Amino acid sequence: MSTGKQHDGRGVEGIVVLDNGIPAAALALRLYSQGFGGAETRIGEAKTSADGSFSIKYTARKEAVHLELRAIDPGGAEASISTIVRPAKRVTLNLVVPAGLKLLEAEYNRLIKDLNKVLGKNGKLVDACEDGRRRDLALLHEATGWDARLIALAVSADKLASTTGISEDALYGLLRVGLPSNEESVAALSRTAIENALRKASEAGIVDLDYNKVKTTVSAFEKFARKTRMKLRAPGSHSTVGDLLEDSGLTVDQKHALAELHVTARAQGDEFWRIAREKGIPEEKIEALRIRGKLSYLTFNNAPLIRSLQDDIASSADLSKLAVSDLYKEEGWKKRITALAGNNEKALSALIPPAFVGETTSDRLDSYAAELARKVRLSFPMKVLARRVETGEIHLGENHDDVKSAISGLLSNAGELGFNLGRAPINSLLRQNGARLMPVTDGGKHEKAVEALKKLQRLYQITPSDHSLKAALNLGFGSAQDIAAFRTMIFCIHSRIDFNRERKRPSFIDEPSRSARSLTICWARPNTLPRRRRSLPSHRPRKPGSKRWTR
């Protein structure tokens, strides 16, 4: 707007922004007419609106050849921002305030001054609310002209200040440059991120922070972050970061260093532990922390269960004991968790992560135990298969007792070499490592073991789970060809399939299995298939005109 008292339709208008693109709101401007010998006359003045726009109207002077537009800083000093030579009747300018010119008071200070005029002595910005019943932010926007979003940021800064110990203006600057507004997300930021955000906000004129104020803010942030990070919980878990590190053997400073690394670092695996070493975590603690990290993944960050498991696991190599301890089965986990809870249902409910829901504690335990067992089976497939062969859960036929020890030992040891059944040829494995994995003691038993192992390999490749592998062995199948030899309906009759509600009939479909896309057979609760298959029709096309299936 203009304060010129008289004008003849001439004027200067436009928009003024700061060098960072933010509108220069409430900036005082003065327009001067310049004559010969440095003579100058002020012919108009105005103040920019919230979007940085302005308009100054003036009366032409014959001696006026140049016009100069000046901005006024908070101390009253003038600074030229534009010179107009031979001005037209109407001039439109889009101006950028040069970097380094502090023409405006910090945005936060101006905002708070205007808000306090409306709030008065008794009003508190932290009490502002915007919902269906109250529209405080809208009221403050209408009364001050400030953007409601900036007012909302000021309210959030006031609320965070009481819990974080960081000053309101510093928090406003952090929020203004795009940092999160909830406590846990703020605590997950690094010291460097906070310093850079404060510097950016100060340079942009959003807040007025000198070196000492930035230092004080960073110190307050670190104190708040150290306390908050130890209370962070992984989604769906009861245990906090502090719980997981409680008996780790680390000092207080080392725990905080690891907690900071956990929430701020993007590195994983070996890179993560390299950074941990640089932060002062002792080398002798790294191995134990690695094991704890793997058990945290397995148990959904269940600190009491992790401590129970770590008593039996001294190194990463011992993790495979989970399979030998029959923890690949739901029943094994149920017994362990129930015993850990002292057979107390309330304690048991508290021990199960909240991510596992159910109508009863028993339902939640079933769900949790099933997921734990599934992860063990996926992590140690060869160890689990070896254990199932050893216990007879997977029966290899009439020679099972003669070959189970050899095959169980081979699978267990081959898994440590990186061998996975179904992905590499058996002959190649035996040729390269046979003397160590399956030493020849009895020629006849050795041949039986090799033949049983190859049969196990063939069925393992075409079955999607150990359950279906067991069923295939119990039905007497030895290969995919044996299964494909039967028509679908005949297969159903002899395997006595109990279909779920979604399936009206058995299906032979291609879908991913353990190692590749293979034939997946949908079955459940199969019984033993008759060994004699000559009485069963084969799956061959019927001849034209024929009423019977032919062999």
Protein backbone atom coordinates (compact mmCIF):
# COMPACT_ATOMS: atom_id res chain seq x y z
CA MET A 1 0.00 0.00 0.00
CA SER A 2 1.11 3.61 -0.49
CA THR A 3 1.26 6.54 1.90
CA GLY A 4 1.67 9.20 -0.79
CA LYS A 5 -1.00 11.91 -0.29
CA GLN A 6 -1.22 13.08 -3.92
CA HIS A 7 -0.58 11.26 -7.16
CA ASP A 8 -1.40 11.57 -10.84
CA GLY A 9 -1.84 7.90 -11.70
CA ARG A 10 1.85 7.11 -11.61
CA GLY A 11 3.21 4.35 -9.41
CA VAL A 12 5.65 1.55 -8.73
CA GLU A 13 4.41 -1.90 -7.75
CA GLY A 14 5.67 -5.46 -7.61
CA ILE A 15 6.89 -8.24 -5.33
CA VAL A 16 9.94 -8.45 -3.07
CA VAL A 17 11.39 -11.80 -2.00
CA LEU A 18 14.44 -12.74 0.01
CA ASP A 19 17.38 -14.46 -1.69
CA ASN A 20 16.07 -17.87 -0.50
CA GLY A 21 12.72 -17.35 -2.22
CA ILE A 22 10.69 -16.53 0.91
CA PRO A 23 8.39 -13.47 0.47
CA ALA A 24 9.77 -10.38 2.21
CA ALA A 25 6.66 -9.75 4.31
CA ALA A 26 6.19 -6.52 6.34
CA LEU A 27 9.25 -4.91 4.74
CA ALA A 28 9.23 -1.09 4.84
CA LEU A 29 9.99 0.52 1.45
CA ARG A 30 10.66 4.14 0.45
CA LEU A 31 10.66 5.64 -3.04
CA TYR A 32 12.98 8.56 -3.83
CA SER A 33 13.23 10.94 -6.79
CA GLN A 34 16.85 11.74 -7.64
CA GLY A 35 18.01 14.98 -9.27
CA PHE A 36 21.23 16.66 -10.33
CA GLY A 37 24.04 16.95 -7.79
CA GLY A 38 22.71 14.17 -5.55
CA ALA A 39 19.50 15.95 -4.71
CA GLU A 40 16.77 13.55 -3.69
CA THR A 41 13.21 13.75 -2.53
CA ARG A 42 11.11 11.08 -0.87
CA ILE A 43 7.92 10.78 -2.91
CA GLY A 44 6.26 7.69 -1.40
CA GLU A 45 6.52 4.76 0.95
CA ALA A 46 4.79 1.46 1.67
CA LYS A 47 5.09 -1.83 3.52
CA THR A 48 4.99 -5.21 1.77
CA SER A 49 2.09 -7.56 2.45
CA ALA A 50 2.39 -11.19 3.57
CA ASP A 51 3.14 -12.35 0.01
CA GLY A 52 5.81 -9.68 -0.48
CA SER A 53 3.73 -7.48 -2.79
CA PHE A 54 3.73 -3.69 -2.63
CA SER A 55 2.34 -0.62 -4.45
CA ILE A 56 3.57 2.99 -4.17
CA LYS A 57 1.77 5.84 -5.96
CA TYR A 58 3.44 9.21 -6.51
CA THR A 59 3.12 12.57 -8.35
CA ALA A 60 5.57 13.20 -11.21
CA ARG A 61 8.20 15.92 -10.87
CA LYS A 62 9.66 17.55 -13.96
CA GLU A 63 13.18 17.30 -12.59
CA ALA A 64 12.79 13.60 -11.75
CA VAL A 65 14.93 11.52 -14.09
CA HIS A 66 15.76 8.62 -11.81
CA LEU A 67 13.73 6.81 -9.15
CA GLU A 68 15.32 4.76 -6.39
CA LEU A 69 13.54 2.18 -4.22
CA ARG A 70 15.04 1.57 -0.79
CA ALA A 71 14.32 -0.98 1.94
CA ILE A 72 14.40 -0.12 5.63
CA ASP A 73 16.01 -2.51 8.10
CA PRO A 74 14.74 -2.93 11.69
CA GLY A 75 17.22 -0.30 12.90
CA GLY A 76 15.88 2.34 10.47
CA ALA A 77 18.85 2.25 8.03
CA GLU A 78 18.06 2.41 4.33
CA ALA A 79 19.48 0.10 1.62
CA SER A 80 18.92 0.56 -2.12
CA ILE A 81 17.33 -2.42 -3.83
CA SER A 82 16.45 -0.91 -7.24
CA THR A 83 17.10 2.13 -9.44
CA ILE A 84 14.64 3.10 -12.20
CA VAL A 85 15.94 5.23 -15.10
CA ARG A 86 13.40 7.27 -17.10
CA PRO A 87 10.42 5.61 -15.38
CA ALA A 88 7.20 4.94 -17.25
CA LYS A 89 3.87 5.98 -15.83
CA ARG A 90 3.39 2.54 -14.24
CA VAL A 91 6.41 0.44 -13.27
CA THR A 92 6.27 -3.22 -12.17
CA LEU A 93 9.26 -4.70 -10.34
CA ASN A 94 10.06 -8.23 -9.17
CA LEU A 95 12.90 -7.79 -6.72
CA VAL A 96 15.21 -10.04 -4.74
CA VAL A 97 16.81 -8.68 -1.60
CA PRO A 98 20.59 -9.25 -1.94
CA ALA A 99 22.16 -11.88 0.31
CA GLY A 100 23.75 -10.39 3.41
CA LEU A 101 21.25 -7.56 3.82
CA LYS A 102 19.35 -8.11 7.08
CA LEU A 103 16.42 -5.90 6.20
CA LEU A 104 13.88 -7.84 8.23
CA GLU A 105 13.67 -9.06 11.76
CA ALA A 106 13.67 -12.86 11.96
CA GLU A 107 10.43 -14.41 10.75
CA TYR A 108 9.77 -16.14 14.07
CA ASN A 109 10.20 -12.90 16.04
CA ARG A 110 7.79 -11.00 13.77
CA LEU A 111 5.28 -13.83 13.90
CA ILE A 112 5.34 -14.05 17.70
CA LYS A 113 5.01 -10.28 18.11
CA ASP A 114 1.90 -10.22 15.93
CA LEU A 115 0.41 -13.27 17.65
CA ASN A 116 1.01 -11.86 21.12
CA LYS A 117 -1.01 -8.76 20.17
CA VAL A 118 -4.01 -11.04 19.66
CA LEU A 119 -3.32 -13.46 22.52
CA GLY A 120 -2.85 -10.75 25.14
CA LYS A 121 -1.45 -11.41 28.58
CA ASN A 122 -3.53 -14.48 29.41
CA GLY A 123 -3.49 -16.29 26.06
CA LYS A 124 -1.00 -19.10 25.48
CA LEU A 125 -0.03 -20.21 22.02
CA VAL A 126 0.48 -23.78 23.21
CA ASP A 127 -3.26 -24.00 23.97
CA ALA A 128 -4.26 -23.26 20.36
CA CYS A 129 -6.51 -25.91 18.82
CA GLU A 130 -8.11 -26.43 15.42
CA ASP A 131 -10.97 -28.95 15.27
CA GLY A 132 -14.69 -29.12 14.72
CA ARG A 133 -15.39 -27.22 17.94
CA ARG A 134 -12.55 -24.69 18.04
CA ARG A 135 -10.87 -22.79 15.22
CA ASP A 136 -8.05 -21.00 16.99
CA LEU A 137 -5.61 -21.17 14.07
CA ALA A 138 -8.18 -19.70 11.67
CA LEU A 139 -8.88 -16.89 14.14
CA LEU A 140 -5.18 -16.04 14.52
CA HIS A 141 -4.78 -16.14 10.75
CA GLU A 142 -7.62 -13.68 10.20
CA ALA A 143 -6.41 -11.38 12.98
CA THR A 144 -2.74 -11.23 11.98
CA GLY A 145 -2.69 -12.04 8.27
CA TRP A 146 0.02 -14.65 8.83
CA ASP A 147 -0.21 -17.97 6.96
CA ALA A 148 -2.10 -20.48 9.12
CA ARG A 149 0.56 -23.12 8.37
CA LEU A 150 3.27 -20.96 9.93
CA ILE A 151 1.07 -20.36 12.95
CA ALA A 152 0.58 -24.14 13.26
CA LEU A 153 4.37 -24.62 13.21
CA ALA A 154 4.75 -22.07 16.01
CA VAL A 155 2.16 -23.97 18.07
CA SER A 156 3.99 -27.27 17.46
CA ALA A 157 7.28 -25.64 18.48
CA ASP A 158 5.73 -24.44 21.75
CA LYS A 159 4.43 -27.92 22.53
CA LEU A 160 7.73 -29.64 21.72
CA ALA A 161 9.72 -27.14 23.80
CA SER A 162 8.15 -28.34 27.03
CA THR A 163 9.19 -31.98 26.44
CA THR A 164 12.49 -31.63 24.60
CA GLY A 165 14.14 -28.79 26.50
CA ILE A 166 14.92 -27.03 23.20
CA SER A 167 13.93 -23.38 22.84
CA GLU A 168 10.79 -22.44 20.91
CA ASP A 169 12.56 -20.36 18.27
CA ALA A 170 15.11 -23.09 17.54
CA LEU A 171 12.34 -25.69 17.22
CA TYR A 172 10.40 -23.37 14.91
CA GLY A 173 13.48 -23.09 12.71
CA LEU A 174 13.88 -26.88 12.62
CA LEU A 175 10.24 -27.41 11.72
CA ARG A 176 10.33 -24.60 9.16
CA VAL A 177 13.11 -26.25 7.16
CA GLY A 178 11.18 -29.54 7.08
CA LEU A 179 12.28 -31.63 10.05
CA PRO A 180 9.66 -33.86 11.79
CA SER A 181 7.40 -32.62 14.55
CA ASN A 182 7.08 -35.67 16.86
CA GLU A 183 9.49 -36.51 19.65
CA GLU A 184 10.59 -39.95 18.44
CA SER A 185 11.37 -38.71 14.94
CA VAL A 186 13.30 -35.72 16.29
CA ALA A 187 15.34 -38.04 18.54
CA ALA A 188 16.21 -40.15 15.49
CA LEU A 189 18.04 -37.20 13.91
CA SER A 190 21.79 -36.84 14.09
CA ARG A 191 23.73 -33.96 15.63
CA THR A 192 24.96 -32.99 12.15
CA ALA A 193 21.40 -32.83 10.81
CA ILE A 194 20.36 -30.51 13.65
CA GLU A 195 23.37 -28.21 13.15
CA ASN A 196 22.81 -27.97 9.39
CA ALA A 197 19.08 -27.28 9.84
CA LEU A 198 19.71 -24.51 12.38
CA ARG A 199 22.32 -22.91 10.13
CA LYS A 200 19.97 -23.03 7.16
CA ALA A 201 17.08 -21.54 9.15
CA SER A 202 19.29 -18.74 10.49
CA GLU A 203 20.72 -17.87 7.07
CA ALA A 204 17.21 -17.75 5.61
CA GLY A 205 16.09 -15.22 8.22
CA ILE A 206 13.58 -17.61 9.75
CA VAL A 207 15.17 -17.41 13.21
CA ASP A 208 17.92 -15.31 14.70
CA LEU A 209 20.48 -17.70 16.17
CA ASP A 210 24.10 -16.79 16.87
CA TYR A 211 26.94 -19.26 17.49
CA ASN A 212 26.28 -19.56 21.22
CA LYS A 213 22.55 -20.11 20.72
CA VAL A 214 23.22 -22.88 18.17
CA LYS A 215 25.68 -24.52 20.55
CA THR A 216 23.15 -24.38 23.40
CA THR A 217 20.43 -25.83 21.16
CA VAL A 218 22.61 -28.74 20.01
CA SER A 219 23.55 -29.52 23.61
CA ALA A 220 19.86 -29.56 24.64
CA PHE A 221 19.05 -31.79 21.66
CA GLU A 222 21.72 -34.34 22.54
CA LYS A 223 20.50 -34.55 26.13
CA PHE A 224 16.93 -35.08 24.96
CA ALA A 225 17.92 -37.54 22.20
CA ARG A 226 20.05 -39.75 24.47
CA LYS A 227 17.13 -40.13 26.86
CA THR A 228 14.50 -40.68 24.18
CA ARG A 229 16.42 -43.13 21.97
CA MET A 230 16.72 -45.63 24.80
CA LYS A 231 12.91 -45.62 25.11
CA LEU A 232 12.22 -46.21 21.42
CA ARG A 233 10.32 -49.39 20.56
CA ALA A 234 10.37 -51.24 17.29
CA PRO A 235 6.87 -51.44 15.71
CA GLY A 236 4.91 -54.37 17.14
CA SER A 237 7.34 -54.97 20.02
CA HIS A 238 7.26 -54.54 23.81
CA SER A 239 11.00 -54.14 24.33
CA THR A 240 12.79 -50.80 24.02
CA VAL A 241 16.32 -50.16 22.77
CA GLY A 242 17.35 -49.84 26.43
CA ASP A 243 15.86 -53.25 27.20
CA LEU A 244 17.77 -54.87 24.34
CA LEU A 245 21.08 -53.36 25.53
CA GLU A 246 20.44 -53.81 29.24
CA ASP A 247 22.84 -56.71 29.88
CA SER A 248 25.08 -56.26 26.85
CA GLY A 249 28.15 -55.48 28.94
CA LEU A 250 28.52 -52.02 27.35
CA THR A 251 29.17 -48.85 29.32
CA VAL A 252 26.51 -46.13 29.44
CA ASP A 253 28.30 -44.04 26.80
CA GLN A 254 28.75 -47.08 24.56
CA LYS A 255 25.04 -47.92 24.84
CA HIS A 256 24.10 -44.39 23.84
CA ALA A 257 26.58 -44.47 20.96
CA LEU A 258 25.09 -47.73 19.67
CA ALA A 259 21.53 -46.43 20.14
CA GLU A 260 22.40 -43.33 18.13
CA LEU A 261 23.95 -45.47 15.40
CA HIS A 262 20.87 -47.71 15.40
CA VAL A 263 18.42 -44.86 14.73
CA THR A 264 20.55 -42.59 12.54
CA ALA A 265 22.84 -44.80 10.44
CA ARG A 266 21.68 -46.17 7.10
CA ALA A 267 24.54 -48.68 6.90
CA GLN A 268 23.89 -52.39 7.35
CA GLY A 269 25.91 -55.52 7.89
CA ASP A 270 29.70 -55.18 8.07
CA GLU A 271 29.53 -51.45 7.32
CA PHE A 272 27.30 -50.92 10.37
CA TRP A 273 29.77 -52.68 12.65
CA ARG A 274 32.69 -50.80 11.14
CA ILE A 275 31.03 -47.53 12.15
CA ALA A 276 30.30 -49.03 15.58
CA ARG A 277 34.01 -49.68 16.07
CA GLU A 278 34.78 -46.10 15.12
CA LYS A 279 32.31 -44.94 17.78
CA GLY A 280 34.20 -46.83 20.47
CA ILE A 281 32.37 -50.17 20.67
CA PRO A 282 35.04 -52.76 21.73
CA GLU A 283 35.91 -55.50 19.26
CA GLU A 284 35.28 -58.21 21.86
CA LYS A 285 31.66 -56.97 22.21
CA ILE A 286 30.92 -56.90 18.48
CA GLU A 287 30.41 -60.67 18.10
CA ALA A 288 27.96 -60.81 21.03
CA LEU A 289 26.10 -57.80 19.63
CA ARG A 290 25.90 -59.47 16.20
CA ILE A 291 24.28 -62.54 17.77
CA ARG A 292 21.91 -60.31 19.75
CA GLY A 293 20.95 -58.52 16.55
CA LYS A 294 20.11 -61.79 14.79
CA LEU A 295 18.09 -63.01 17.76
CA SER A 296 16.30 -59.65 17.82
CA TYR A 297 15.25 -60.22 14.21
CA LEU A 298 14.14 -63.76 15.02
CA THR A 299 12.11 -62.90 18.13
CA PHE A 300 10.67 -59.51 17.07
CA ASN A 301 12.88 -57.66 19.57
CA ASN A 302 11.72 -59.71 22.54
CA ALA A 303 14.39 -58.91 25.17
CA PRO A 304 13.47 -61.64 27.76
CA LEU A 305 13.37 -64.34 25.07
CA ILE A 306 16.67 -63.10 23.59
CA ARG A 307 18.38 -63.42 26.99
CA SER A 308 16.98 -66.93 27.37
CA LEU A 309 18.31 -67.99 23.96
CA GLN A 310 21.68 -66.29 24.32
CA ASP A 311 22.50 -68.44 27.35
CA ASP A 312 22.88 -71.39 24.91
CA ILE A 313 24.47 -69.48 22.00
CA ALA A 314 28.03 -68.29 22.45
CA SER A 315 28.89 -67.57 18.80
CA SER A 316 27.26 -67.16 15.40
CA ALA A 317 28.09 -70.80 14.63
CA ASP A 318 25.90 -71.85 17.55
CA LEU A 319 22.78 -70.30 16.02
CA SER A 320 22.14 -73.56 14.18
CA LYS A 321 21.44 -75.11 17.60
CA LEU A 322 17.97 -73.63 17.21
CA ALA A 323 17.28 -76.34 14.63
CA VAL A 324 18.89 -79.14 16.66
CA SER A 325 16.82 -78.04 19.67
CA ASP A 326 13.65 -78.70 17.66
CA LEU A 327 12.78 -74.98 17.60
CA TYR A 328 11.81 -75.37 13.96
CA LYS A 329 8.52 -76.69 15.34
CA GLU A 330 5.81 -74.62 16.98
CA GLU A 331 5.61 -76.93 19.98
CA GLY A 332 9.25 -76.28 20.90
CA TRP A 333 8.69 -72.52 21.03
CA LYS A 334 5.43 -72.85 22.96
CA LYS A 335 7.12 -74.87 25.69
CA ARG A 336 10.05 -72.48 25.93
CA ILE A 337 7.94 -69.32 26.03
CA THR A 338 5.44 -70.77 28.50
CA ALA A 339 8.26 -71.86 30.81
CA LEU A 340 9.87 -68.42 30.52
CA ALA A 341 6.56 -66.87 31.63
CA GLY A 342 6.44 -69.20 34.66
CA ASN A 343 3.21 -70.79 33.36
CA ASN A 344 1.47 -67.53 34.26
CA GLU A 345 -1.06 -66.44 31.64
CA LYS A 346 -0.72 -62.72 32.43
CA ALA A 347 3.07 -62.91 32.17
CA LEU A 348 2.72 -65.00 29.01
CA SER A 349 0.48 -62.37 27.41
CA ALA A 350 3.02 -59.65 28.24
CA LEU A 351 5.83 -61.76 26.75
CA ILE A 352 4.15 -62.08 23.34
CA PRO A 353 4.80 -59.03 21.08
CA PRO A 354 1.66 -56.93 20.49
CA ALA A 355 2.00 -57.47 16.73
CA PHE A 356 0.54 -60.96 17.26
CA VAL A 357 -3.16 -60.65 17.94
CA GLY A 358 -5.87 -63.15 18.75
CA GLU A 359 -9.01 -63.67 20.77
CA THR A 360 -7.12 -65.44 23.54
CA THR A 361 -3.56 -65.60 24.82
CA SER A 362 -3.36 -69.14 23.46
CA ASP A 363 -4.26 -67.89 19.97
CA ARG A 364 -1.58 -65.21 20.18
CA LEU A 365 0.97 -67.77 21.36
CA ASP A 366 0.10 -70.08 18.46
CA SER A 367 0.63 -67.26 15.98
CA TYR A 368 3.91 -66.14 17.56
CA ALA A 369 5.31 -69.68 17.82
CA ALA A 370 4.38 -70.41 14.19
CA GLU A 371 6.29 -67.35 12.98
CA LEU A 372 9.34 -68.14 15.12
CA ALA A 373 9.43 -71.71 13.82
CA ARG A 374 9.02 -70.51 10.23
CA LYS A 375 12.03 -68.21 10.56
CA VAL A 376 14.19 -71.03 11.94
CA ARG A 377 13.20 -73.30 9.03
CA LEU A 378 14.04 -70.57 6.52
CA SER A 379 17.35 -69.71 8.19
CA PHE A 380 18.66 -73.28 8.56
CA PRO A 381 16.91 -75.44 5.92
CA MET A 382 19.61 -78.14 5.77
CA LYS A 383 19.97 -78.37 9.55
CA VAL A 384 16.21 -78.71 9.92
CA LEU A 385 16.00 -81.36 7.21
CA ALA A 386 18.90 -83.26 8.80
CA ARG A 387 17.15 -83.18 12.17
CA ARG A 388 13.90 -84.44 10.65
CA VAL A 389 15.68 -87.32 8.96
CA GLU A 390 17.54 -88.14 12.19
CA THR A 391 14.35 -88.25 14.29
CA GLY A 392 12.40 -90.20 11.66
CA GLU A 393 9.97 -87.35 11.09
CA ILE A 394 10.94 -87.66 7.43
CA HIS A 395 11.13 -91.37 6.67
CA LEU A 396 13.32 -92.50 3.79
CA GLY A 397 11.71 -95.85 3.24
CA GLU A 398 12.52 -99.42 4.22
CA ASN A 399 16.25 -98.67 4.52
CA HIS A 400 15.73 -95.63 6.74
CA ASP A 401 17.49 -97.04 9.82
CA ASP A 402 20.52 -98.01 7.75
CA VAL A 403 20.96 -94.65 5.99
CA LYS A 404 19.58 -92.01 8.38
CA SER A 405 22.84 -91.36 10.22
CA ALA A 406 24.85 -90.95 7.02
CA ILE A 407 22.28 -88.69 5.34
CA SER A 408 21.58 -86.63 8.46
CA GLY A 409 25.30 -86.02 8.99
CA LEU A 410 25.85 -85.15 5.33
CA LEU A 411 23.00 -82.64 5.24
CA SER A 412 24.10 -81.01 8.48
CA ASN A 413 27.73 -80.64 7.40
CA ALA A 414 26.93 -79.74 3.79
CA GLY A 415 24.77 -76.86 5.00
CA GLU A 416 27.84 -75.34 6.68
CA LEU A 417 29.62 -75.50 3.29
CA GLY A 418 26.81 -73.49 1.70
CA PHE A 419 25.22 -76.49 -0.02
CA ASN A 420 21.45 -76.44 -0.41
CA LEU A 421 19.58 -79.55 -1.43
CA GLY A 422 17.85 -79.08 -4.76
CA ARG A 423 20.24 -76.40 -6.04
CA ALA A 424 23.39 -78.41 -6.73
CA PRO A 425 23.93 -81.93 -8.15
CA ILE A 426 24.44 -84.67 -5.60
CA ASN A 427 27.14 -86.37 -7.68
CA SER A 428 29.18 -83.17 -7.79
CA LEU A 429 28.87 -82.73 -4.01
CA LEU A 430 29.95 -86.30 -3.30
CA ARG A 431 32.81 -86.15 -5.79
CA GLN A 432 34.25 -82.99 -4.20
CA ASN A 433 33.46 -83.56 -0.50
CA GLY A 434 32.22 -87.15 -0.27
CA ALA A 435 35.14 -88.45 1.74
CA ARG A 436 34.46 -85.89 4.44
CA LEU A 437 30.66 -85.70 4.29
CA MET A 438 29.83 -89.40 3.75
CA PRO A 439 32.83 -91.64 4.45
CA VAL A 440 32.51 -95.18 3.05
CA THR A 441 32.23 -97.72 5.87
CA ASP A 442 30.05 -100.45 4.36
CA GLY A 443 29.79 -100.62 0.58
CA GLY A 444 26.19 -101.82 0.61
CA LYS A 445 25.01 -99.20 3.10
CA HIS A 446 26.91 -96.48 1.26
CA GLU A 447 25.14 -97.25 -2.03
CA LYS A 448 21.78 -97.30 -0.24
CA ALA A 449 22.53 -93.94 1.37
CA VAL A 450 23.50 -92.38 -1.96
CA GLU A 451 20.36 -93.70 -3.62
CA ALA A 452 18.16 -92.48 -0.74
CA LEU A 453 19.87 -89.07 -0.88
CA LYS A 454 19.20 -88.75 -4.62
CA LYS A 455 15.57 -89.69 -4.07
CA LEU A 456 15.33 -87.09 -1.33
CA GLN A 457 16.89 -84.54 -3.70
CA ARG A 458 14.35 -85.28 -6.47
CA LEU A 459 11.35 -84.90 -4.17
CA TYR A 460 12.83 -81.90 -2.39
CA GLN A 461 12.99 -80.06 -5.71
CA ILE A 462 9.30 -80.49 -6.49
CA THR A 463 7.71 -80.05 -3.05
CA PRO A 464 7.09 -76.56 -1.61
CA SER A 465 7.59 -77.50 2.05
CA ASP A 466 8.94 -80.17 4.35
CA HIS A 467 5.36 -81.16 5.14
CA SER A 468 4.63 -81.99 1.50
CA LEU A 469 8.04 -83.71 1.20
CA LYS A 470 7.09 -85.96 4.09
CA ALA A 471 3.74 -86.69 2.45
CA ALA A 472 5.38 -87.55 -0.87
CA LEU A 473 7.75 -90.01 0.83
CA ASN A 474 4.93 -91.58 2.81
CA LEU A 475 2.93 -92.04 -0.39
CA GLY A 476 5.82 -93.95 -1.91
CA PHE A 477 6.72 -91.45 -4.61
CA GLY A 478 10.29 -91.28 -5.82
CA SER A 479 10.19 -88.55 -8.47
CA ALA A 480 8.01 -86.06 -10.32
CA GLN A 481 7.36 -88.71 -12.94
CA ASP A 482 5.72 -90.95 -10.36
CA ILE A 483 3.36 -88.13 -9.34
CA ALA A 484 2.54 -87.13 -12.92
CA ALA A 485 1.62 -90.72 -13.76
CA PHE A 486 -1.76 -90.35 -12.04
CA ARG A 487 -4.84 -88.53 -13.14
CA THR A 488 -5.97 -85.79 -10.77
CA MET A 489 -9.06 -87.58 -9.53
CA ILE A 490 -7.28 -90.86 -8.91
CA PHE A 491 -4.57 -89.00 -7.01
CA CYS A 492 -7.22 -87.39 -4.80
CA ILE A 493 -8.86 -90.68 -3.99
CA HIS A 494 -5.66 -92.39 -2.95
CA SER A 495 -4.16 -89.47 -1.06
CA ARG A 496 -7.48 -88.62 0.64
CA ILE A 497 -6.96 -84.91 0.32
CA ASP A 498 -8.71 -82.61 2.78
CA PHE A 499 -9.21 -79.43 0.75
CA ASN A 500 -9.59 -76.01 2.24
CA ARG A 501 -12.65 -73.91 1.48
CA GLU A 502 -11.04 -71.99 -1.34
CA ARG A 503 -10.23 -75.13 -3.39
CA LYS A 504 -12.99 -77.24 -4.92
CA ARG A 505 -10.52 -79.75 -6.44
CA PRO A 506 -6.80 -80.47 -6.35
CA SER A 507 -4.60 -78.42 -8.62
CA PHE A 508 -1.22 -78.94 -10.20
CA ILE A 509 0.17 -75.43 -10.63
CA ASP A 510 3.49 -73.76 -11.29
CA GLU A 511 4.60 -71.48 -8.46
CA PRO A 512 7.89 -70.66 -6.68
CA SER A 513 9.17 -73.37 -4.36
CA ARG A 514 12.42 -73.75 -2.38
CA SER A 515 14.83 -73.32 -5.26
CA ALA A 516 13.01 -72.82 -8.55
CA ARG A 517 9.60 -72.82 -10.20
CA SER A 518 8.44 -76.38 -9.85
CA LEU A 519 5.40 -78.57 -9.72
CA THR A 520 3.47 -77.78 -6.55
CA ILE A 521 0.95 -80.31 -5.31
CA CYS A 522 -1.83 -79.15 -3.04
CA TRP A 523 -2.46 -81.85 -0.48
CA ALA A 524 -3.07 -82.38 3.21
CA ARG A 525 -3.28 -85.38 5.52
CA PRO A 526 -2.29 -87.95 2.88
CA ASN A 527 -2.40 -91.66 3.59
CA THR A 528 -0.10 -94.33 2.20
CA LEU A 529 -0.65 -94.90 -1.51
CA PRO A 530 -0.74 -98.54 -2.64
CA ARG A 531 2.65 -99.62 -3.91
CA ARG A 532 1.14 -101.53 -6.81
CA ARG A 533 0.15 -99.06 -9.45
CA ARG A 534 -0.65 -101.44 -12.28
CA SER A 535 -4.28 -101.48 -11.26
CA LEU A 536 -4.45 -97.71 -11.60
CA PRO A 537 -5.05 -96.08 -14.98
CA SER A 538 -2.19 -93.97 -16.28
CA HIS A 539 -2.50 -90.39 -17.35
CA ARG A 540 -2.53 -90.98 -21.12
CA PRO A 541 -4.88 -89.46 -23.68
CA ARG A 542 -7.89 -91.54 -24.61
CA LYS A 543 -7.99 -92.89 -28.12
CA PRO A 544 -10.74 -91.52 -30.35
CA GLY A 545 -13.82 -93.63 -29.91
CA SER A 546 -12.42 -95.57 -27.00
CA LYS A 547 -14.45 -95.87 -23.81
CA ARG A 548 -11.58 -97.03 -21.61
CA TRP A 549 -8.23 -95.64 -20.64
CA THR A 550 -5.28 -97.56 -22.02
CA ARG A 551 -1.87 -98.19 -20.45
